Amino acid sequence: MKKMRRYPENQKARRALILKDGEQLGFFPSASQTIPSAAGQAHYVGRYHQNGAVEKTLGAVYTPPRVAAALTRWAVRSAADRILDPACGEGVFLAAARTRLADLGARKPCCVGVDIDPKAAEAAGAICEDFFVWFRAAPKFDVIVGNPPFVRSHLFAEKSRAIAFAEMVRLGIKPSRLMSTWSPFLALCSHLLTEEGRLAFVIPEELLHVGYAEDLRRLLLERFRKVIVCLPSQGVFPKVQQAVVMLMCDNTAKGPAGLLTIDYADLEAGDFDAVSSALPWSWNSKWTHLFLAPKERHLLDEWWPRLGWSPFSDYGRVEVGVVTGDNDFFILNQKPTSVVFASRGMPCRASKSATHFSFARRVKCPA
């Protein structure tokens, strides 16, 4: 068994050690670990800045340290809190949690990380295991923070999917093969918390509107007294194609209950009481109303009963069409795109390198 490192009892020494941990992981990079950006700012060259096949398969999405710090400040409230990051990656949330615990005076911080990627687990000092396997014997935690992987359903490893779905069924949640990996992560982690525990995740925006997350939305409102959603400000998640939200859940009796929203500026500033009520609409199972400003939601709440509109389901239904996922065919690079527009033709076949095209002539239909 690997010997655990003893943290110094002196608070100043503890914080210095934690800052050293952050430098090792790249959160406070040294000059040799950085590259200059166009704006002159230094960026750490890490696994999550890459856009390769491995990162896509693992669902790795880089979390800026400022976001991890803001969420951890909200979630961690006691030096005795036991903290879990179920998909820790390089450890940005673990570093933020250790810093927060040091600021609270923790002598023996309890921060547990789990990651399926051996390199990431080793870098973060975490447990290297499939979270869904590890979950079966996992203890309860006071705080769970992190950024669960966003692996699409067609890339979700079948072995992990089977274990995750079995656990969801055991907990009374109906799984769907359309689910990305973040869904079972969120569902299972909500059951790993103590009764008064807090959860703070970076989650795909899909949580608010996809059909397969309807049970998850219901579960969150039943499990927690407060469910707070924060839509990030522009530029908070640079170079991330997946739209995300920050989700915070807890059972504290203080303050308003139900579905709430908070501005990112208030979250980052530590003004955690600056929340606005955003109760779900009775006529819509989705949380798409959260995309509206509080004043807009209030106005619609006031006028909706007077409009007398019928739901779209009274007229018909909408179904998803054929989805192939063949990005090599449907996504064009810059050169073939210019060829398409220049020739005024329509691409009907493309090679994997997207350099050879055949075109179909436009045929004018008779009037």
Protein backbone atom coordinates (compact mmCIF):
# COMPACT_ATOMS: atom_id res chain seq x y z
CA MET A 1 0.00 0.00 0.00
CA LYS A 2 1.32 3.42 -0.91
CA LYS A 3 2.33 5.40 2.17
CA MET A 4 0.22 8.53 2.59
CA ARG A 5 2.11 11.82 2.82
CA ARG A 6 1.73 13.62 6.14
CA TYR A 7 0.59 17.22 5.83
CA PRO A 8 2.27 19.71 8.18
CA GLU A 9 0.24 20.98 11.11
CA ASN A 10 1.27 24.59 10.57
CA GLN A 11 -1.32 26.34 8.35
CA LYS A 12 1.26 28.44 6.50
CA ALA A 13 3.32 25.35 5.70
CA ARG A 14 0.20 23.44 4.59
CA ARG A 15 -0.75 26.16 2.12
CA ALA A 16 2.80 26.30 0.73
CA LEU A 17 2.73 22.54 0.17
CA ILE A 18 -0.63 22.75 -1.57
CA LEU A 19 0.62 25.50 -3.86
CA LYS A 20 3.56 23.23 -4.67
CA ASP A 21 1.08 20.46 -5.55
CA GLY A 22 -0.68 22.89 -7.86
CA GLU A 23 2.58 23.76 -9.62
CA GLN A 24 3.34 20.06 -10.16
CA LEU A 25 -0.06 19.55 -11.74
CA GLY A 26 0.20 22.67 -13.88
CA PHE A 27 -2.38 24.85 -12.14
CA PHE A 28 0.35 27.31 -11.20
CA PRO A 29 2.82 26.46 -13.98
CA SER A 30 6.50 27.25 -14.05
CA ALA A 31 8.02 29.03 -17.03
CA SER A 32 9.28 25.79 -18.56
CA GLN A 33 5.75 24.35 -18.61
CA THR A 34 4.00 27.20 -20.39
CA ILE A 35 3.51 28.52 -23.87
CA PRO A 36 2.58 32.12 -24.72
CA SER A 37 -0.87 32.79 -26.13
CA ALA A 38 -1.83 35.41 -28.70
CA ALA A 39 -2.85 37.71 -25.86
CA GLY A 40 0.53 37.27 -24.18
CA GLN A 41 -0.85 35.07 -21.38
CA ALA A 42 0.83 31.80 -20.48
CA HIS A 43 -1.06 28.54 -20.89
CA TYR A 44 -0.15 25.16 -19.42
CA VAL A 45 0.40 22.45 -22.00
CA GLY A 46 -1.68 19.62 -20.55
CA ARG A 47 -3.72 16.63 -21.60
CA TYR A 48 -6.98 18.57 -21.63
CA HIS A 49 -5.71 21.16 -24.10
CA GLN A 50 -5.32 18.48 -26.73
CA ASN A 51 -8.07 17.50 -29.15
CA GLY A 52 -7.04 13.94 -29.94
CA ALA A 53 -8.95 10.70 -30.14
CA VAL A 54 -7.90 9.56 -26.66
CA GLU A 55 -9.30 12.70 -25.03
CA LYS A 56 -12.54 12.33 -26.98
CA THR A 57 -12.93 8.70 -25.93
CA LEU A 58 -12.22 9.54 -22.30
CA GLY A 59 -14.57 12.54 -22.43
CA ALA A 60 -11.84 14.81 -21.08
CA VAL A 61 -12.87 18.48 -20.94
CA TYR A 62 -10.44 20.90 -19.32
CA THR A 63 -11.76 22.86 -16.30
CA PRO A 64 -10.20 26.29 -15.72
CA PRO A 65 -8.74 26.52 -12.17
CA ARG A 66 -10.86 29.62 -11.47
CA VAL A 67 -14.04 27.59 -12.07
CA ALA A 68 -12.85 24.72 -9.89
CA ALA A 69 -11.94 27.20 -7.14
CA ALA A 70 -15.34 28.94 -7.28
CA LEU A 71 -17.30 25.69 -7.14
CA THR A 72 -15.10 24.28 -4.38
CA ARG A 73 -15.47 27.43 -2.25
CA TRP A 74 -19.24 27.00 -2.49
CA ALA A 75 -19.20 23.27 -1.73
CA VAL A 76 -16.55 22.89 0.99
CA ARG A 77 -17.68 24.51 4.25
CA SER A 78 -15.80 22.62 6.98
CA ALA A 79 -12.21 21.56 7.56
CA ALA A 80 -13.57 18.08 8.35
CA ASP A 81 -15.35 17.63 5.00
CA ARG A 82 -14.54 14.42 3.12
CA ILE A 83 -14.28 15.29 -0.57
CA LEU A 84 -14.53 13.17 -3.72
CA ASP A 85 -13.79 13.91 -7.36
CA PRO A 86 -15.12 10.84 -9.24
CA ALA A 87 -13.32 11.66 -12.51
CA CYS A 88 -10.42 13.79 -11.35
CA GLY A 89 -8.31 13.94 -14.52
CA GLU A 90 -5.14 15.88 -13.77
CA GLY A 91 -6.57 16.98 -10.43
CA VAL A 92 -7.74 20.57 -10.82
CA PHE A 93 -10.65 20.06 -8.40
CA LEU A 94 -8.49 18.11 -5.94
CA ALA A 95 -5.95 20.96 -5.86
CA ALA A 96 -8.76 23.48 -5.31
CA ALA A 97 -10.23 21.31 -2.55
CA ARG A 98 -6.91 20.97 -0.73
CA THR A 99 -6.39 24.73 -0.93
CA ARG A 100 -9.89 25.34 0.44
CA LEU A 101 -9.37 22.85 3.29
CA ALA A 102 -6.02 24.47 4.14
CA ASP A 103 -7.70 27.86 4.32
CA LEU A 104 -10.28 26.35 6.70
CA GLY A 105 -7.49 24.99 8.90
CA ALA A 106 -7.65 21.29 8.03
CA ARG A 107 -4.77 19.29 9.50
CA LYS A 108 -5.58 16.03 7.76
CA PRO A 109 -7.42 16.88 4.52
CA CYS A 110 -9.48 14.04 3.09
CA CYS A 111 -9.56 14.40 -0.71
CA VAL A 112 -10.19 11.30 -2.82
CA GLY A 113 -9.86 11.22 -6.59
CA VAL A 114 -10.78 8.47 -9.03
CA ASP A 115 -9.87 8.29 -12.72
CA ILE A 116 -9.82 5.53 -15.31
CA ASP A 117 -6.80 7.02 -17.11
CA PRO A 118 -3.58 5.68 -15.52
CA LYS A 119 -1.49 8.74 -16.44
CA ALA A 120 -4.05 11.18 -15.06
CA ALA A 121 -4.55 9.14 -11.89
CA GLU A 122 -0.81 8.96 -11.27
CA ALA A 123 -0.37 12.71 -11.83
CA ALA A 124 -3.18 13.53 -9.40
CA GLY A 125 -2.30 10.88 -6.81
CA ALA A 126 -5.71 9.32 -7.35
CA ILE A 127 -7.24 5.86 -7.47
CA CYS A 128 -6.97 4.36 -10.97
CA GLU A 129 -10.22 2.51 -11.52
CA ASP A 130 -13.49 2.63 -13.42
CA PHE A 131 -15.70 4.80 -11.21
CA PHE A 132 -18.73 2.62 -11.83
CA VAL A 133 -16.85 -0.41 -10.49
CA TRP A 134 -15.38 1.56 -7.58
CA PHE A 135 -18.82 2.98 -6.71
CA ARG A 136 -20.13 -0.37 -5.45
CA ALA A 137 -17.93 -0.32 -2.33
CA ALA A 138 -17.47 3.43 -2.00
CA PRO A 139 -18.11 5.22 1.31
CA LYS A 140 -20.25 8.32 1.71
CA PHE A 141 -18.75 11.78 1.21
CA ASP A 142 -19.65 15.24 2.49
CA VAL A 143 -18.72 16.94 -0.78
CA ILE A 144 -18.51 15.69 -4.35
CA VAL A 145 -17.01 18.04 -6.93
CA GLY A 146 -15.76 17.62 -10.45
CA ASN A 147 -16.26 17.60 -14.16
CA PRO A 148 -17.52 14.12 -15.15
CA PRO A 149 -16.52 12.90 -18.62
CA PHE A 150 -18.73 13.83 -21.56
CA VAL A 151 -18.42 10.58 -23.51
CA ARG A 152 -21.14 10.22 -26.15
CA SER A 153 -23.37 7.16 -26.09
CA HIS A 154 -21.71 5.52 -29.11
CA LEU A 155 -18.29 5.78 -27.40
CA PHE A 156 -19.50 4.64 -23.97
CA ALA A 157 -17.59 1.39 -23.28
CA GLU A 158 -20.13 -1.42 -23.10
CA LYS A 159 -18.66 -2.96 -19.96
CA SER A 160 -18.79 0.34 -18.07
CA ARG A 161 -22.26 1.10 -19.46
CA ALA A 162 -23.63 -2.22 -18.21
CA ILE A 163 -22.30 -1.64 -14.70
CA ALA A 164 -23.48 1.99 -14.61
CA PHE A 165 -26.96 1.16 -15.87
CA ALA A 166 -27.34 -1.72 -13.40
CA GLU A 167 -26.54 0.65 -10.54
CA MET A 168 -29.00 3.23 -11.87
CA VAL A 169 -31.77 0.63 -12.02
CA ARG A 170 -30.93 -0.46 -8.47
CA LEU A 171 -31.36 3.16 -7.37
CA GLY A 172 -34.73 3.44 -9.14
CA ILE A 173 -33.56 5.45 -12.17
CA LYS A 174 -34.48 4.40 -15.68
CA PRO A 175 -31.36 4.45 -17.91
CA SER A 176 -31.33 5.07 -21.66
CA ARG A 177 -28.78 3.97 -24.23
CA LEU A 178 -28.84 7.56 -25.51
CA MET A 179 -27.17 8.70 -22.29
CA SER A 180 -23.69 10.13 -22.27
CA THR A 181 -21.44 9.13 -19.39
CA TRP A 182 -22.08 12.28 -17.37
CA SER A 183 -25.66 11.12 -16.68
CA PRO A 184 -24.85 8.02 -14.60
CA PHE A 185 -21.97 9.91 -12.95
CA LEU A 186 -24.44 12.54 -11.74
CA ALA A 187 -27.09 10.01 -10.71
CA LEU A 188 -24.73 7.76 -8.75
CA CYS A 189 -22.85 10.61 -7.10
CA SER A 190 -26.09 12.04 -5.73
CA HIS A 191 -26.38 8.79 -3.75
CA LEU A 192 -22.78 8.86 -2.53
CA LEU A 193 -23.40 12.03 -0.53
CA THR A 194 -24.22 12.22 3.13
CA GLU A 195 -27.67 13.57 3.92
CA GLU A 196 -26.39 17.14 4.31
CA GLY A 197 -23.73 16.81 1.61
CA ARG A 198 -23.13 19.13 -1.34
CA LEU A 199 -22.51 18.39 -5.00
CA ALA A 200 -20.87 20.81 -7.46
CA PHE A 201 -20.35 19.67 -11.05
CA VAL A 202 -19.54 21.06 -14.45
CA ILE A 203 -22.22 19.40 -16.58
CA PRO A 204 -23.21 19.57 -20.25
CA GLU A 205 -26.00 21.98 -21.01
CA GLU A 206 -27.94 18.92 -22.19
CA LEU A 207 -29.06 18.39 -18.60
CA LEU A 208 -31.54 21.22 -19.07
CA HIS A 209 -33.36 19.90 -22.11
CA VAL A 210 -32.64 16.37 -23.36
CA GLY A 211 -35.39 13.80 -22.95
CA TYR A 212 -33.21 11.12 -21.37
CA ALA A 213 -32.34 13.52 -18.52
CA GLU A 214 -35.97 14.02 -17.47
CA ASP A 215 -35.66 11.44 -14.67
CA LEU A 216 -32.39 13.05 -13.60
CA ARG A 217 -34.01 16.47 -13.33
CA ARG A 218 -36.79 14.97 -11.23
CA LEU A 219 -34.27 13.07 -9.09
CA LEU A 220 -32.28 16.20 -8.32
CA LEU A 221 -35.35 18.13 -7.15
CA GLU A 222 -36.46 15.20 -4.99
CA ARG A 223 -33.02 14.47 -3.52
CA PHE A 224 -31.93 18.04 -2.75
CA ARG A 225 -33.62 21.03 -1.16
CA LYS A 226 -31.70 23.38 -3.46
CA VAL A 227 -30.69 22.81 -7.06
CA ILE A 228 -28.70 25.79 -8.35
CA VAL A 229 -27.78 26.19 -12.03
CA CYS A 230 -25.16 28.68 -13.18
CA LEU A 231 -24.68 29.48 -16.86
CA PRO A 232 -21.04 30.47 -17.36
CA SER A 233 -20.11 33.88 -18.66
CA GLN A 234 -18.61 34.13 -22.12
CA GLY A 235 -14.95 33.18 -22.15
CA VAL A 236 -15.00 31.21 -18.89
CA PHE A 237 -14.56 27.94 -20.82
CA PRO A 238 -12.32 28.88 -23.76
CA LYS A 239 -11.86 26.43 -26.62
CA VAL A 240 -14.57 24.04 -25.34
CA GLN A 241 -17.09 23.12 -28.02
CA GLN A 242 -19.50 21.47 -25.59
CA ALA A 243 -21.85 24.00 -23.95
CA VAL A 244 -21.79 23.51 -20.18
CA VAL A 245 -23.50 24.68 -17.01
CA MET A 246 -22.39 24.57 -13.38
CA LEU A 247 -24.69 22.53 -11.16
CA MET A 248 -24.75 22.93 -7.37
CA CYS A 249 -27.00 20.89 -5.08
CA ASP A 250 -27.39 20.75 -1.31
CA ASN A 251 -29.90 20.29 1.53
CA THR A 252 -29.20 23.25 3.79
CA ALA A 253 -32.31 24.73 5.37
CA LYS A 254 -31.18 28.33 4.96
CA GLY A 255 -32.50 30.43 2.06
CA PRO A 256 -34.90 29.70 -0.80
CA ALA A 257 -35.55 26.16 -1.97
CA GLY A 258 -36.23 24.45 -5.28
CA LEU A 259 -34.69 25.21 -8.65
CA LEU A 260 -32.53 28.33 -8.52
CA THR A 261 -30.07 30.25 -10.69
CA ILE A 262 -26.99 32.30 -9.87
CA ASP A 263 -24.82 34.56 -12.01
CA TYR A 264 -21.26 33.39 -12.52
CA ALA A 265 -19.91 36.74 -11.33
CA ASP A 266 -21.70 36.27 -7.98
CA LEU A 267 -20.50 32.67 -7.70
CA GLU A 268 -16.88 33.63 -8.34
CA ALA A 269 -17.14 36.56 -5.92
CA GLY A 270 -18.45 34.26 -3.18
CA ASP A 271 -21.90 35.90 -3.01
CA PHE A 272 -23.65 32.56 -2.72
CA ASP A 273 -26.94 34.03 -1.46
CA ALA A 274 -27.48 35.96 -4.71
CA VAL A 275 -29.77 33.29 -6.16
CA SER A 276 -33.02 33.71 -8.08
CA SER A 277 -35.96 31.33 -7.97
CA ALA A 278 -36.64 29.50 -11.23
CA LEU A 279 -39.36 26.98 -10.45
CA PRO A 280 -39.97 24.50 -13.30
CA TRP A 281 -42.95 25.18 -15.50
CA SER A 282 -45.85 22.77 -14.98
CA TRP A 283 -46.43 22.57 -18.74
CA ASN A 284 -42.80 21.82 -19.65
CA SER A 285 -40.68 19.02 -18.21
CA LYS A 286 -37.50 20.69 -19.50
CA TRP A 287 -35.50 23.40 -17.76
CA THR A 288 -35.07 25.51 -20.87
CA HIS A 289 -36.61 28.47 -19.04
CA LEU A 290 -33.24 28.83 -17.30
CA PHE A 291 -31.88 30.32 -20.52
CA LEU A 292 -34.09 33.34 -19.80
CA ALA A 293 -33.20 36.14 -17.44
CA PRO A 294 -35.11 36.22 -14.11
CA LYS A 295 -37.23 39.18 -15.27
CA GLU A 296 -38.11 37.36 -18.49
CA ARG A 297 -39.10 34.23 -16.56
CA HIS A 298 -41.28 36.27 -14.22
CA LEU A 299 -43.00 37.99 -17.16
CA LEU A 300 -43.73 34.67 -18.87
CA ASP A 301 -44.97 33.14 -15.63
CA GLU A 302 -47.38 36.04 -15.29
CA TRP A 303 -48.67 36.00 -18.86
CA TRP A 304 -48.73 32.29 -19.65
CA PRO A 305 -52.13 31.58 -18.00
CA ARG A 306 -53.67 34.46 -19.95
CA LEU A 307 -52.42 33.38 -23.38
CA GLY A 308 -54.40 30.17 -23.59
CA TRP A 309 -51.82 28.46 -25.77
CA SER A 310 -52.03 24.73 -26.30
CA PRO A 311 -48.91 22.58 -26.03
CA PHE A 312 -47.35 21.36 -29.27
CA SER A 313 -48.21 17.80 -28.26
CA ASP A 314 -51.88 18.61 -28.96
CA TYR A 315 -50.96 18.96 -32.64
CA GLY A 316 -48.27 16.36 -33.19
CA ARG A 317 -44.87 15.17 -32.08
CA VAL A 318 -41.26 15.76 -33.04
CA GLU A 319 -38.90 12.84 -33.61
CA VAL A 320 -35.15 12.79 -34.21
CA GLY A 321 -34.29 11.88 -37.80
CA VAL A 322 -31.50 9.64 -39.03
CA VAL A 323 -28.25 10.23 -37.15
CA THR A 324 -25.14 8.64 -38.65
CA GLY A 325 -22.32 10.28 -36.71
CA ASP A 326 -20.15 10.09 -39.85
CA ASN A 327 -18.15 13.27 -39.23
CA ASP A 328 -15.67 12.43 -41.99
CA PHE A 329 -18.47 12.90 -44.52
CA PHE A 330 -20.52 15.72 -43.03
CA ILE A 331 -17.77 17.98 -41.67
CA LEU A 332 -15.69 19.75 -44.34
CA ASN A 333 -12.38 21.42 -43.81
CA GLN A 334 -11.59 24.87 -45.22
CA LYS A 335 -10.28 23.79 -48.62
CA PRO A 336 -13.16 21.47 -49.67
CA THR A 337 -15.66 24.07 -48.40
CA SER A 338 -14.23 26.65 -50.80
CA VAL A 339 -14.36 24.07 -53.61
CA VAL A 340 -18.05 23.45 -52.91
CA PHE A 341 -18.95 27.11 -53.06
CA ALA A 342 -16.75 27.79 -56.09
CA SER A 343 -18.27 24.96 -58.11
CA ARG A 344 -21.85 25.64 -56.94
CA GLY A 345 -22.25 21.88 -56.75
CA MET A 346 -23.31 19.54 -53.97
CA PRO A 347 -20.83 17.10 -52.41
CA CYS A 348 -22.16 13.57 -52.59
CA ARG A 349 -19.04 11.66 -51.51
CA ALA A 350 -15.80 12.51 -49.75
CA SER A 351 -12.74 10.52 -48.85
CA LYS A 352 -11.55 10.35 -45.24
CA SER A 353 -8.93 12.98 -45.89
CA ALA A 354 -11.67 15.24 -47.27
CA THR A 355 -9.59 16.12 -50.35
CA HIS A 356 -11.49 14.33 -53.13
CA PHE A 357 -15.09 15.10 -53.96
CA SER A 358 -17.60 14.06 -56.54
CA PHE A 359 -20.49 16.38 -57.29
CA ALA A 360 -24.07 16.08 -58.40
CA ARG A 361 -25.30 18.57 -60.97
CA ARG A 362 -28.17 20.79 -60.02
CA VAL A 363 -31.25 19.87 -61.93
CA LYS A 364 -33.93 22.50 -62.44
CA CYS A 365 -37.34 21.03 -61.72
CA PRO A 366 -40.17 21.82 -64.10
CA ALA A 367 -42.64 24.38 -62.89
